[in-house]
Amino acid sequence: MASILFTLTLNLITPDFGKFRETRKMINNEDIPLVTRKGVYPYEYTDSWGKLEENTLPRKEEFYSTLTETNIGDTDYEHAKTVWTHFDCRMLGEYSDLYLKIDVMLLVDVFKNCVHK
């Protein structure tokens, strides 16, 4: 689903990000480029409530996926660090909430733009 949402999101990008009406209700215009890029999340690392209370972004190695047998690249990890810092995340739970909200808002924008075509 993440790859499909990313592809659909790319199709909406215009210079003014005008098609992201719902996302822009939650995210400032200048921050839209940060959230319209494919996000990364340490799904398998986050296996307990306690980890959501950790106050640092997990190490790059913790983003490994046994499903795809891959880890994220340096560019993706740098993006995760940028998002963590830019949105002032203090715990992994806050990063998780932001990640989920962004995904939902982007999906809403994709649906609304399909309906309005």
N, C-alpha and C. Protein backbone atom coordinates (compact mmCIF):
# COMPACT_ATOMS: atom_id res chain seq x y z
N MET A 1 0.82 -1.20 0.00
CA MET A 1 0.00 0.00 0.00
C MET A 1 0.86 1.26 0.00
N ALA A 2 1.97 1.24 0.75
CA ALA A 2 2.80 2.44 0.85
C ALA A 2 3.33 2.86 -0.51
N SER A 3 3.78 1.92 -1.31
CA SER A 3 4.31 2.26 -2.63
C SER A 3 3.22 2.80 -3.54
N ILE A 4 2.04 2.23 -3.45
CA ILE A 4 0.92 2.69 -4.28
C ILE A 4 0.52 4.11 -3.87
N LEU A 5 0.42 4.35 -2.56
CA LEU A 5 0.07 5.70 -2.09
C LEU A 5 1.12 6.71 -2.54
N PHE A 6 2.38 6.34 -2.46
CA PHE A 6 3.45 7.24 -2.89
C PHE A 6 3.31 7.58 -4.37
N THR A 7 3.04 6.58 -5.19
CA THR A 7 2.87 6.81 -6.63
C THR A 7 1.68 7.72 -6.90
N LEU A 8 0.56 7.45 -6.24
CA LEU A 8 -0.63 8.28 -6.42
C LEU A 8 -0.38 9.71 -5.93
N THR A 9 0.37 9.84 -4.85
CA THR A 9 0.72 11.17 -4.33
C THR A 9 1.57 11.94 -5.33
N LEU A 10 2.53 11.26 -5.94
CA LEU A 10 3.38 11.91 -6.94
C LEU A 10 2.55 12.49 -8.08
N ASN A 11 1.48 11.80 -8.44
CA ASN A 11 0.62 12.27 -9.52
C ASN A 11 -0.12 13.56 -9.19
N LEU A 12 -0.21 13.90 -7.90
CA LEU A 12 -0.92 15.11 -7.49
C LEU A 12 -0.01 16.33 -7.36
N ILE A 13 1.29 16.11 -7.36
CA ILE A 13 2.22 17.21 -7.10
C ILE A 13 2.21 18.23 -8.23
N THR A 14 1.98 19.46 -7.84
CA THR A 14 2.07 20.62 -8.74
C THR A 14 2.97 21.64 -8.03
N PRO A 15 3.45 22.65 -8.73
CA PRO A 15 4.34 23.63 -8.08
C PRO A 15 3.75 24.28 -6.82
N ASP A 16 2.44 24.48 -6.79
CA ASP A 16 1.84 25.12 -5.61
C ASP A 16 1.22 24.12 -4.63
N PHE A 17 1.34 22.83 -4.91
CA PHE A 17 0.77 21.77 -4.07
C PHE A 17 -0.72 21.98 -3.84
N GLY A 18 -1.40 22.58 -4.80
CA GLY A 18 -2.81 22.92 -4.66
C GLY A 18 -3.75 21.75 -4.53
N LYS A 19 -3.33 20.57 -4.95
CA LYS A 19 -4.22 19.41 -4.88
C LYS A 19 -4.19 18.73 -3.51
N PHE A 20 -3.39 19.25 -2.60
CA PHE A 20 -3.27 18.66 -1.26
C PHE A 20 -4.08 19.48 -0.25
N ARG A 21 -5.35 19.70 -0.56
CA ARG A 21 -6.20 20.55 0.28
C ARG A 21 -6.33 20.04 1.71
N GLU A 22 -6.55 18.75 1.86
CA GLU A 22 -6.74 18.20 3.21
C GLU A 22 -5.42 18.13 3.97
N THR A 23 -4.37 17.73 3.30
CA THR A 23 -3.06 17.65 3.94
C THR A 23 -2.62 19.03 4.41
N ARG A 24 -2.92 20.06 3.62
CA ARG A 24 -2.52 21.42 3.97
C ARG A 24 -3.30 21.97 5.16
N LYS A 25 -4.37 21.32 5.56
CA LYS A 25 -5.08 21.72 6.77
C LYS A 25 -4.27 21.34 8.02
N MET A 26 -3.43 20.33 7.87
CA MET A 26 -2.63 19.84 8.99
C MET A 26 -1.16 20.26 8.87
N ILE A 27 -0.69 20.44 7.65
CA ILE A 27 0.73 20.71 7.38
C ILE A 27 0.85 22.06 6.67
N ASN A 28 1.78 22.88 7.11
CA ASN A 28 2.04 24.17 6.45
C ASN A 28 2.52 23.95 5.02
N ASN A 29 2.22 24.91 4.16
CA ASN A 29 2.63 24.82 2.75
C ASN A 29 4.12 24.54 2.59
N GLU A 30 4.95 25.22 3.38
CA GLU A 30 6.40 25.03 3.22
C GLU A 30 6.86 23.64 3.67
N ASP A 31 6.03 22.94 4.43
CA ASP A 31 6.38 21.59 4.89
C ASP A 31 5.86 20.49 3.98
N ILE A 32 5.01 20.84 3.02
CA ILE A 32 4.41 19.84 2.13
C ILE A 32 5.46 18.99 1.41
N PRO A 33 6.56 19.57 0.91
CA PRO A 33 7.55 18.71 0.25
C PRO A 33 8.12 17.62 1.17
N LEU A 34 8.18 17.89 2.46
CA LEU A 34 8.67 16.88 3.41
C LEU A 34 7.72 15.69 3.52
N VAL A 35 6.43 15.94 3.40
CA VAL A 35 5.46 14.87 3.64
C VAL A 35 4.93 14.22 2.37
N THR A 36 5.19 14.81 1.22
CA THR A 36 4.74 14.18 -0.02
C THR A 36 5.79 13.23 -0.57
N ARG A 37 6.91 13.16 0.08
CA ARG A 37 7.94 12.18 -0.26
C ARG A 37 7.61 10.90 0.51
N LYS A 38 7.98 9.75 -0.01
CA LYS A 38 7.69 8.49 0.67
C LYS A 38 8.33 8.48 2.05
N GLY A 39 7.51 8.29 3.05
CA GLY A 39 8.02 8.22 4.41
C GLY A 39 8.55 6.84 4.75
N VAL A 40 9.27 6.76 5.85
CA VAL A 40 9.79 5.47 6.31
C VAL A 40 9.42 5.28 7.77
N TYR A 41 9.20 4.02 8.14
CA TYR A 41 8.82 3.70 9.51
C TYR A 41 9.41 2.35 9.90
N PRO A 42 9.90 2.24 11.13
CA PRO A 42 10.49 0.96 11.59
C PRO A 42 9.40 0.00 12.09
N TYR A 43 8.63 -0.55 11.17
CA TYR A 43 7.48 -1.38 11.52
C TYR A 43 7.83 -2.52 12.47
N GLU A 44 8.81 -3.32 12.11
CA GLU A 44 9.12 -4.50 12.90
C GLU A 44 9.80 -4.16 14.22
N TYR A 45 10.50 -3.05 14.24
CA TYR A 45 11.15 -2.60 15.48
C TYR A 45 10.10 -2.23 16.52
N THR A 46 9.01 -1.65 16.08
CA THR A 46 7.97 -1.16 16.99
C THR A 46 7.07 -2.32 17.38
N ASP A 47 7.58 -3.15 18.28
CA ASP A 47 6.85 -4.37 18.66
C ASP A 47 6.34 -4.34 20.10
N SER A 48 6.41 -3.17 20.74
CA SER A 48 5.88 -3.04 22.10
C SER A 48 5.53 -1.58 22.36
N TRP A 49 4.64 -1.37 23.34
CA TRP A 49 4.23 -0.01 23.70
C TRP A 49 5.43 0.78 24.21
N GLY A 50 6.33 0.10 24.91
CA GLY A 50 7.50 0.77 25.47
C GLY A 50 8.36 1.44 24.43
N LYS A 51 8.46 0.84 23.27
CA LYS A 51 9.30 1.43 22.22
C LYS A 51 8.72 2.76 21.72
N LEU A 52 7.41 2.91 21.81
CA LEU A 52 6.80 4.18 21.40
C LEU A 52 7.17 5.32 22.34
N GLU A 53 7.68 4.98 23.52
CA GLU A 53 8.10 6.00 24.48
C GLU A 53 9.57 6.35 24.37
N GLU A 54 10.31 5.68 23.49
CA GLU A 54 11.73 5.98 23.31
C GLU A 54 11.87 7.38 22.73
N ASN A 55 12.91 8.09 23.20
CA ASN A 55 13.03 9.50 22.84
C ASN A 55 14.04 9.79 21.72
N THR A 56 14.41 8.77 20.98
CA THR A 56 15.27 8.97 19.81
C THR A 56 14.74 8.12 18.65
N LEU A 57 15.04 8.59 17.45
CA LEU A 57 14.70 7.79 16.28
C LEU A 57 15.55 6.53 16.31
N PRO A 58 14.97 5.36 16.06
CA PRO A 58 15.78 4.14 16.04
C PRO A 58 16.91 4.22 15.02
N ARG A 59 17.95 3.44 15.27
CA ARG A 59 19.08 3.39 14.34
C ARG A 59 18.61 2.89 12.98
N LYS A 60 19.35 3.21 11.96
CA LYS A 60 19.01 2.82 10.59
C LYS A 60 18.77 1.31 10.49
N GLU A 61 19.57 0.53 11.19
CA GLU A 61 19.46 -0.93 11.13
C GLU A 61 18.11 -1.43 11.63
N GLU A 62 17.46 -0.64 12.47
CA GLU A 62 16.17 -1.04 13.04
C GLU A 62 15.02 -0.89 12.05
N PHE A 63 15.28 -0.32 10.88
CA PHE A 63 14.26 -0.17 9.85
C PHE A 63 14.25 -1.38 8.90
N TYR A 64 15.00 -2.41 9.24
CA TYR A 64 15.07 -3.61 8.40
C TYR A 64 13.70 -4.29 8.33
N SER A 65 13.36 -4.77 7.14
CA SER A 65 12.10 -5.47 6.93
C SER A 65 12.38 -6.93 6.58
N THR A 66 11.88 -7.85 7.39
CA THR A 66 12.04 -9.27 7.05
C THR A 66 11.13 -9.65 5.88
N LEU A 67 10.05 -8.90 5.69
CA LEU A 67 9.14 -9.18 4.58
C LEU A 67 9.84 -8.98 3.24
N THR A 68 10.53 -7.86 3.10
CA THR A 68 11.23 -7.56 1.84
C THR A 68 12.71 -7.91 1.90
N GLU A 69 13.17 -8.28 3.09
CA GLU A 69 14.59 -8.58 3.33
C GLU A 69 15.49 -7.42 2.90
N THR A 70 15.04 -6.21 3.23
CA THR A 70 15.82 -5.02 2.89
C THR A 70 15.84 -4.05 4.06
N ASN A 71 16.82 -3.18 4.02
CA ASN A 71 16.89 -2.08 4.96
C ASN A 71 16.71 -0.80 4.17
N ILE A 72 16.43 0.29 4.85
CA ILE A 72 16.31 1.56 4.16
C ILE A 72 17.70 2.08 3.81
N GLY A 73 17.75 2.91 2.79
CA GLY A 73 19.01 3.50 2.38
C GLY A 73 19.36 4.73 3.21
N ASP A 74 20.55 5.25 2.98
CA ASP A 74 21.01 6.43 3.71
C ASP A 74 20.09 7.63 3.47
N THR A 75 19.65 7.81 2.23
CA THR A 75 18.78 8.95 1.90
C THR A 75 17.46 8.86 2.66
N ASP A 76 16.88 7.67 2.72
CA ASP A 76 15.62 7.49 3.46
C ASP A 76 15.82 7.74 4.95
N TYR A 77 16.94 7.25 5.49
CA TYR A 77 17.19 7.46 6.92
C TYR A 77 17.40 8.94 7.22
N GLU A 78 18.12 9.63 6.35
CA GLU A 78 18.31 11.08 6.53
C GLU A 78 16.96 11.80 6.49
N HIS A 79 16.08 11.35 5.60
CA HIS A 79 14.74 11.95 5.52
C HIS A 79 13.98 11.71 6.84
N ALA A 80 14.06 10.51 7.37
CA ALA A 80 13.39 10.21 8.65
C ALA A 80 13.93 11.11 9.75
N LYS A 81 15.25 11.31 9.80
CA LYS A 81 15.84 12.19 10.81
C LYS A 81 15.37 13.63 10.61
N THR A 82 15.28 14.06 9.36
CA THR A 82 14.82 15.42 9.07
C THR A 82 13.38 15.62 9.54
N VAL A 83 12.52 14.65 9.24
CA VAL A 83 11.11 14.73 9.66
C VAL A 83 11.03 14.74 11.18
N TRP A 84 11.77 13.86 11.84
CA TRP A 84 11.78 13.78 13.31
C TRP A 84 12.14 15.14 13.91
N THR A 85 13.19 15.74 13.40
CA THR A 85 13.67 17.02 13.92
C THR A 85 12.73 18.17 13.55
N HIS A 86 12.35 18.23 12.29
CA HIS A 86 11.53 19.34 11.80
C HIS A 86 10.19 19.43 12.52
N PHE A 87 9.57 18.28 12.76
CA PHE A 87 8.27 18.27 13.42
C PHE A 87 8.39 18.10 14.93
N ASP A 88 9.62 18.25 15.44
CA ASP A 88 9.90 18.26 16.88
C ASP A 88 9.36 17.02 17.60
N CYS A 89 9.60 15.86 17.02
CA CYS A 89 9.19 14.62 17.67
C CYS A 89 10.08 14.38 18.90
N ARG A 90 9.45 14.06 20.00
CA ARG A 90 10.20 13.79 21.23
C ARG A 90 10.20 12.31 21.60
N MET A 91 9.30 11.56 20.98
CA MET A 91 9.22 10.12 21.23
C MET A 91 8.85 9.42 19.93
N LEU A 92 9.16 8.14 19.84
CA LEU A 92 8.80 7.37 18.66
C LEU A 92 7.29 7.38 18.46
N GLY A 93 6.53 7.43 19.54
CA GLY A 93 5.07 7.49 19.43
C GLY A 93 4.60 8.74 18.69
N GLU A 94 5.28 9.86 18.90
CA GLU A 94 4.91 11.09 18.18
C GLU A 94 5.26 10.97 16.71
N TYR A 95 6.40 10.37 16.41
CA TYR A 95 6.78 10.13 15.02
C TYR A 95 5.77 9.20 14.36
N SER A 96 5.35 8.17 15.10
CA SER A 96 4.36 7.21 14.60
C SER A 96 3.03 7.90 14.31
N ASP A 97 2.57 8.74 15.23
CA ASP A 97 1.31 9.47 15.02
C ASP A 97 1.41 10.36 13.79
N LEU A 98 2.52 11.07 13.65
CA LEU A 98 2.71 11.95 12.49
C LEU A 98 2.71 11.14 11.20
N TYR A 99 3.43 10.02 11.20
CA TYR A 99 3.51 9.15 10.02
C TYR A 99 2.11 8.68 9.61
N LEU A 100 1.32 8.26 10.57
CA LEU A 100 -0.04 7.78 10.28
C LEU A 100 -0.95 8.90 9.80
N LYS A 101 -0.89 10.05 10.46
CA LYS A 101 -1.72 11.19 10.04
C LYS A 101 -1.39 11.62 8.62
N ILE A 102 -0.12 11.67 8.31
CA ILE A 102 0.29 12.07 6.96
C ILE A 102 -0.23 11.07 5.94
N ASP A 103 -0.08 9.77 6.22
CA ASP A 103 -0.58 8.75 5.29
C ASP A 103 -2.08 8.91 5.05
N VAL A 104 -2.82 9.10 6.13
CA VAL A 104 -4.28 9.23 6.00
C VAL A 104 -4.65 10.48 5.21
N MET A 105 -4.01 11.61 5.52
CA MET A 105 -4.35 12.85 4.83
C MET A 105 -3.99 12.78 3.35
N LEU A 106 -2.86 12.17 3.03
CA LEU A 106 -2.49 12.01 1.62
C LEU A 106 -3.50 11.11 0.90
N LEU A 107 -3.93 10.04 1.58
CA LEU A 107 -4.92 9.15 0.98
C LEU A 107 -6.25 9.89 0.75
N VAL A 108 -6.65 10.72 1.70
CA VAL A 108 -7.87 11.52 1.53
C VAL A 108 -7.73 12.43 0.32
N ASP A 109 -6.57 13.08 0.18
CA ASP A 109 -6.37 13.96 -0.98
C ASP A 109 -6.40 13.18 -2.28
N VAL A 110 -5.83 11.98 -2.30
CA VAL A 110 -5.87 11.15 -3.50
C VAL A 110 -7.32 10.83 -3.85
N PHE A 111 -8.10 10.38 -2.87
CA PHE A 111 -9.51 10.05 -3.12
C PHE A 111 -10.29 11.27 -3.60
N LYS A 112 -10.13 12.38 -2.92
CA LYS A 112 -10.89 13.58 -3.28
C LYS A 112 -10.53 14.07 -4.68
N ASN A 113 -9.28 13.96 -5.05
CA ASN A 113 -8.88 14.39 -6.39
C ASN A 113 -9.40 13.44 -7.46
N CYS A 114 -9.53 12.16 -7.13
CA CYS A 114 -10.10 11.20 -8.10
C CYS A 114 -11.58 11.47 -8.30
N VAL A 115 -12.28 11.79 -7.24
CA VAL A 115 -13.72 12.07 -7.30
C VAL A 115 -13.99 13.33 -8.11
N HIS A 116 -13.12 14.32 -7.99
CA HIS A 116 -13.33 15.61 -8.66
C HIS A 116 -12.86 15.64 -10.11
N LYS A 117 -12.38 14.53 -10.63
CA LYS A 117 -11.92 14.51 -12.03
C LYS A 117 -13.09 14.35 -12.96
